[in-house]
Amino acid sequence: FLEDGSISAENIGVGRLCPVDPSLPADAFVQGIVILTSRADALASWIAGTEISGFNADLRKRTLVMETDIENQYLMAKLNDMQR
């Protein structure tokens, strides 16, 4: 993340707050998830008490699903054309 870690109108957008090395090839996959929310404490508490088994990103549907325990899944994000 960028120093100071504050979020403002200038650093909101793809690749601005958490920049990716520009020397990577355009088709390279970068692992990791950044979740921005005004309810970070509540989300962190909920995730801390959850047994996460994985995340599933469907690039065609533009969805991110968090899989927990044996049978629970949570839709974490559904991106539209403006957000991708």
N, C-alpha and C. Protein backbone atom coordinates (compact mmCIF):
# COMPACT_ATOMS: atom_id res chain seq x y z
N PHE A 1 0.82 -1.18 0.00
CA PHE A 1 0.00 0.00 0.00
C PHE A 1 0.86 1.24 0.00
N LEU A 2 0.28 2.32 -0.42
CA LEU A 2 1.00 3.57 -0.40
C LEU A 2 1.19 4.05 1.02
N GLU A 3 2.21 4.84 1.26
CA GLU A 3 2.47 5.37 2.60
C GLU A 3 1.29 6.22 3.08
N ASP A 4 1.11 6.26 4.36
CA ASP A 4 0.05 6.98 5.06
C ASP A 4 -1.29 6.25 5.00
N GLY A 5 -1.55 5.44 4.01
CA GLY A 5 -2.72 4.58 3.96
C GLY A 5 -4.07 5.26 3.94
N SER A 6 -4.12 6.56 3.73
CA SER A 6 -5.42 7.22 3.72
C SER A 6 -6.08 7.07 2.35
N ILE A 7 -7.39 7.12 2.36
CA ILE A 7 -8.16 7.00 1.12
C ILE A 7 -8.76 8.36 0.81
N SER A 8 -8.57 8.80 -0.41
CA SER A 8 -9.11 10.09 -0.84
C SER A 8 -9.59 9.96 -2.28
N ALA A 9 -10.18 11.01 -2.79
CA ALA A 9 -10.68 11.00 -4.17
C ALA A 9 -9.55 10.77 -5.17
N GLU A 10 -8.32 11.17 -4.81
CA GLU A 10 -7.20 11.04 -5.72
C GLU A 10 -6.68 9.61 -5.84
N ASN A 11 -6.86 8.79 -4.80
CA ASN A 11 -6.29 7.44 -4.87
C ASN A 11 -7.33 6.33 -4.97
N ILE A 12 -8.59 6.67 -5.21
CA ILE A 12 -9.61 5.64 -5.41
C ILE A 12 -9.60 5.26 -6.88
N GLY A 13 -9.57 3.98 -7.15
CA GLY A 13 -9.58 3.48 -8.52
C GLY A 13 -8.62 2.31 -8.66
N VAL A 14 -8.75 1.60 -9.73
CA VAL A 14 -7.94 0.40 -9.96
C VAL A 14 -6.47 0.76 -9.98
N GLY A 15 -5.70 0.10 -9.11
CA GLY A 15 -4.26 0.25 -9.09
C GLY A 15 -3.72 1.50 -8.43
N ARG A 16 -4.55 2.30 -7.81
CA ARG A 16 -4.06 3.55 -7.22
C ARG A 16 -3.64 3.41 -5.77
N LEU A 17 -4.46 2.79 -4.92
CA LEU A 17 -4.13 2.65 -3.51
C LEU A 17 -3.14 1.51 -3.28
N CYS A 18 -3.26 0.47 -4.06
CA CYS A 18 -2.38 -0.69 -3.94
C CYS A 18 -1.76 -0.92 -5.32
N PRO A 19 -0.76 -0.12 -5.69
CA PRO A 19 -0.21 -0.18 -7.05
C PRO A 19 0.51 -1.51 -7.33
N VAL A 20 0.43 -1.93 -8.58
CA VAL A 20 1.08 -3.15 -9.05
C VAL A 20 2.32 -2.73 -9.85
N ASP A 21 3.36 -3.51 -9.71
CA ASP A 21 4.63 -3.23 -10.40
C ASP A 21 4.39 -3.09 -11.91
N PRO A 22 4.69 -1.93 -12.48
CA PRO A 22 4.43 -1.71 -13.91
C PRO A 22 5.27 -2.59 -14.83
N SER A 23 6.32 -3.22 -14.31
CA SER A 23 7.14 -4.08 -15.16
C SER A 23 6.54 -5.47 -15.36
N LEU A 24 5.44 -5.78 -14.66
CA LEU A 24 4.77 -7.08 -14.87
C LEU A 24 4.12 -7.11 -16.24
N PRO A 25 4.10 -8.27 -16.88
CA PRO A 25 3.40 -8.38 -18.17
C PRO A 25 1.91 -8.10 -18.00
N ALA A 26 1.27 -7.62 -19.03
CA ALA A 26 -0.14 -7.25 -18.97
C ALA A 26 -1.04 -8.45 -18.65
N ASP A 27 -0.62 -9.65 -19.00
CA ASP A 27 -1.45 -10.83 -18.75
C ASP A 27 -1.06 -11.59 -17.47
N ALA A 28 -0.22 -10.99 -16.63
CA ALA A 28 0.20 -11.63 -15.38
C ALA A 28 -0.92 -11.58 -14.35
N PHE A 29 -1.02 -12.63 -13.54
CA PHE A 29 -1.99 -12.66 -12.45
C PHE A 29 -1.29 -12.22 -11.17
N VAL A 30 -1.92 -11.33 -10.43
CA VAL A 30 -1.39 -10.86 -9.16
C VAL A 30 -2.30 -11.42 -8.07
N GLN A 31 -1.73 -12.18 -7.15
CA GLN A 31 -2.52 -12.81 -6.10
C GLN A 31 -2.76 -11.85 -4.95
N GLY A 32 -3.95 -11.91 -4.39
CA GLY A 32 -4.29 -11.11 -3.23
C GLY A 32 -5.63 -10.42 -3.42
N ILE A 33 -6.20 -10.02 -2.31
CA ILE A 33 -7.50 -9.36 -2.32
C ILE A 33 -7.42 -8.14 -1.42
N VAL A 34 -7.88 -7.02 -1.91
CA VAL A 34 -7.97 -5.80 -1.11
C VAL A 34 -9.46 -5.47 -0.98
N ILE A 35 -9.94 -5.40 0.26
CA ILE A 35 -11.34 -5.08 0.50
C ILE A 35 -11.41 -3.71 1.17
N LEU A 36 -12.06 -2.78 0.50
CA LEU A 36 -12.24 -1.43 1.05
C LEU A 36 -13.69 -1.29 1.50
N THR A 37 -13.88 -0.92 2.75
CA THR A 37 -15.22 -0.76 3.28
C THR A 37 -15.21 0.26 4.41
N SER A 38 -16.33 0.93 4.57
CA SER A 38 -16.46 1.86 5.70
C SER A 38 -16.73 1.10 6.99
N ARG A 39 -16.99 -0.20 6.89
CA ARG A 39 -17.25 -1.03 8.07
C ARG A 39 -16.14 -2.04 8.27
N ALA A 40 -14.90 -1.60 8.19
CA ALA A 40 -13.75 -2.50 8.27
C ALA A 40 -13.68 -3.27 9.58
N ASP A 41 -13.98 -2.62 10.71
CA ASP A 41 -13.91 -3.31 12.00
C ASP A 41 -14.93 -4.44 12.08
N ALA A 42 -16.15 -4.17 11.63
CA ALA A 42 -17.20 -5.20 11.65
C ALA A 42 -16.85 -6.36 10.71
N LEU A 43 -16.34 -6.04 9.53
CA LEU A 43 -15.96 -7.09 8.58
C LEU A 43 -14.80 -7.92 9.12
N ALA A 44 -13.81 -7.27 9.71
CA ALA A 44 -12.65 -7.97 10.27
C ALA A 44 -13.09 -8.90 11.40
N SER A 45 -14.00 -8.45 12.25
CA SER A 45 -14.50 -9.29 13.35
C SER A 45 -15.24 -10.50 12.81
N TRP A 46 -16.06 -10.28 11.80
CA TRP A 46 -16.82 -11.39 11.21
C TRP A 46 -15.89 -12.40 10.55
N ILE A 47 -14.92 -11.92 9.78
CA ILE A 47 -13.99 -12.83 9.10
C ILE A 47 -13.12 -13.58 10.10
N ALA A 48 -12.75 -12.92 11.21
CA ALA A 48 -11.92 -13.58 12.23
C ALA A 48 -12.62 -14.78 12.85
N GLY A 49 -13.95 -14.74 12.90
CA GLY A 49 -14.70 -15.85 13.47
C GLY A 49 -15.20 -16.84 12.44
N THR A 50 -14.73 -16.73 11.23
CA THR A 50 -15.19 -17.59 10.13
C THR A 50 -14.05 -18.49 9.67
N GLU A 51 -14.37 -19.74 9.39
CA GLU A 51 -13.38 -20.68 8.86
C GLU A 51 -13.39 -20.55 7.34
N ILE A 52 -12.46 -19.77 6.81
CA ILE A 52 -12.40 -19.53 5.36
C ILE A 52 -11.66 -20.68 4.70
N SER A 53 -12.32 -21.28 3.70
CA SER A 53 -11.66 -22.36 2.96
C SER A 53 -11.09 -21.86 1.64
N GLY A 54 -11.56 -20.72 1.17
CA GLY A 54 -10.99 -20.18 -0.06
C GLY A 54 -11.84 -19.09 -0.67
N PHE A 55 -11.32 -18.54 -1.74
CA PHE A 55 -12.04 -17.54 -2.52
C PHE A 55 -12.12 -18.03 -3.95
N ASN A 56 -13.22 -17.74 -4.60
CA ASN A 56 -13.41 -18.12 -5.99
C ASN A 56 -13.73 -16.86 -6.79
N ALA A 57 -12.86 -16.54 -7.72
CA ALA A 57 -13.06 -15.37 -8.58
C ALA A 57 -13.46 -15.87 -9.97
N ASP A 58 -14.64 -15.49 -10.40
CA ASP A 58 -15.11 -15.84 -11.74
C ASP A 58 -14.91 -14.61 -12.61
N LEU A 59 -13.91 -14.66 -13.50
CA LEU A 59 -13.57 -13.50 -14.31
C LEU A 59 -14.64 -13.18 -15.35
N ARG A 60 -15.36 -14.18 -15.82
CA ARG A 60 -16.40 -13.91 -16.82
C ARG A 60 -17.63 -13.28 -16.20
N LYS A 61 -18.04 -13.79 -15.03
CA LYS A 61 -19.20 -13.22 -14.33
C LYS A 61 -18.82 -12.00 -13.51
N ARG A 62 -17.52 -11.79 -13.30
CA ARG A 62 -16.99 -10.68 -12.50
C ARG A 62 -17.51 -10.74 -11.06
N THR A 63 -17.40 -11.93 -10.47
CA THR A 63 -17.82 -12.10 -9.09
C THR A 63 -16.66 -12.64 -8.25
N LEU A 64 -16.70 -12.33 -6.95
CA LEU A 64 -15.75 -12.86 -5.98
C LEU A 64 -16.58 -13.49 -4.86
N VAL A 65 -16.39 -14.80 -4.66
CA VAL A 65 -17.15 -15.54 -3.67
C VAL A 65 -16.20 -16.08 -2.62
N MET A 66 -16.52 -15.85 -1.35
CA MET A 66 -15.75 -16.41 -0.25
C MET A 66 -16.42 -17.72 0.17
N GLU A 67 -15.64 -18.79 0.21
CA GLU A 67 -16.16 -20.10 0.60
C GLU A 67 -15.72 -20.37 2.04
N THR A 68 -16.69 -20.77 2.87
CA THR A 68 -16.41 -21.07 4.27
C THR A 68 -16.92 -22.45 4.62
N ASP A 69 -16.37 -23.04 5.62
CA ASP A 69 -16.68 -24.39 6.10
C ASP A 69 -17.12 -25.32 4.97
N ILE A 70 -18.10 -26.17 5.19
CA ILE A 70 -18.45 -27.18 4.18
C ILE A 70 -19.44 -26.66 3.15
N GLU A 71 -20.41 -25.86 3.57
CA GLU A 71 -21.49 -25.55 2.65
C GLU A 71 -21.86 -24.08 2.50
N ASN A 72 -21.13 -23.18 3.10
CA ASN A 72 -21.50 -21.77 3.02
C ASN A 72 -20.61 -21.00 2.05
N GLN A 73 -21.25 -20.15 1.27
CA GLN A 73 -20.55 -19.26 0.35
C GLN A 73 -21.16 -17.87 0.48
N TYR A 74 -20.30 -16.84 0.37
CA TYR A 74 -20.75 -15.47 0.48
C TYR A 74 -20.26 -14.69 -0.74
N LEU A 75 -21.17 -14.00 -1.40
CA LEU A 75 -20.81 -13.13 -2.52
C LEU A 75 -20.16 -11.88 -1.94
N MET A 76 -18.87 -11.72 -2.18
CA MET A 76 -18.12 -10.59 -1.62
C MET A 76 -18.15 -9.39 -2.56
N ALA A 77 -18.19 -9.65 -3.87
CA ALA A 77 -18.18 -8.54 -4.83
C ALA A 77 -18.77 -8.99 -6.15
N LYS A 78 -19.48 -8.10 -6.78
CA LYS A 78 -19.98 -8.30 -8.14
C LYS A 78 -19.69 -7.00 -8.87
N LEU A 79 -18.75 -7.03 -9.79
CA LEU A 79 -18.29 -5.82 -10.45
C LEU A 79 -19.05 -5.57 -11.76
N ASN A 80 -19.37 -4.33 -12.01
CA ASN A 80 -19.96 -3.97 -13.29
C ASN A 80 -18.87 -3.41 -14.21
N ASP A 81 -19.22 -2.99 -15.39
CA ASP A 81 -18.23 -2.51 -16.37
C ASP A 81 -17.44 -1.31 -15.86
N MET A 82 -18.07 -0.44 -15.07
CA MET A 82 -17.40 0.75 -14.57
C MET A 82 -16.38 0.42 -13.48
N GLN A 83 -16.56 -0.70 -12.75
CA GLN A 83 -15.71 -1.04 -11.62
C GLN A 83 -14.53 -1.93 -12.00
N ARG A 84 -14.54 -2.53 -13.14
CA ARG A 84 -13.49 -3.49 -13.47
C ARG A 84 -12.20 -2.85 -13.85
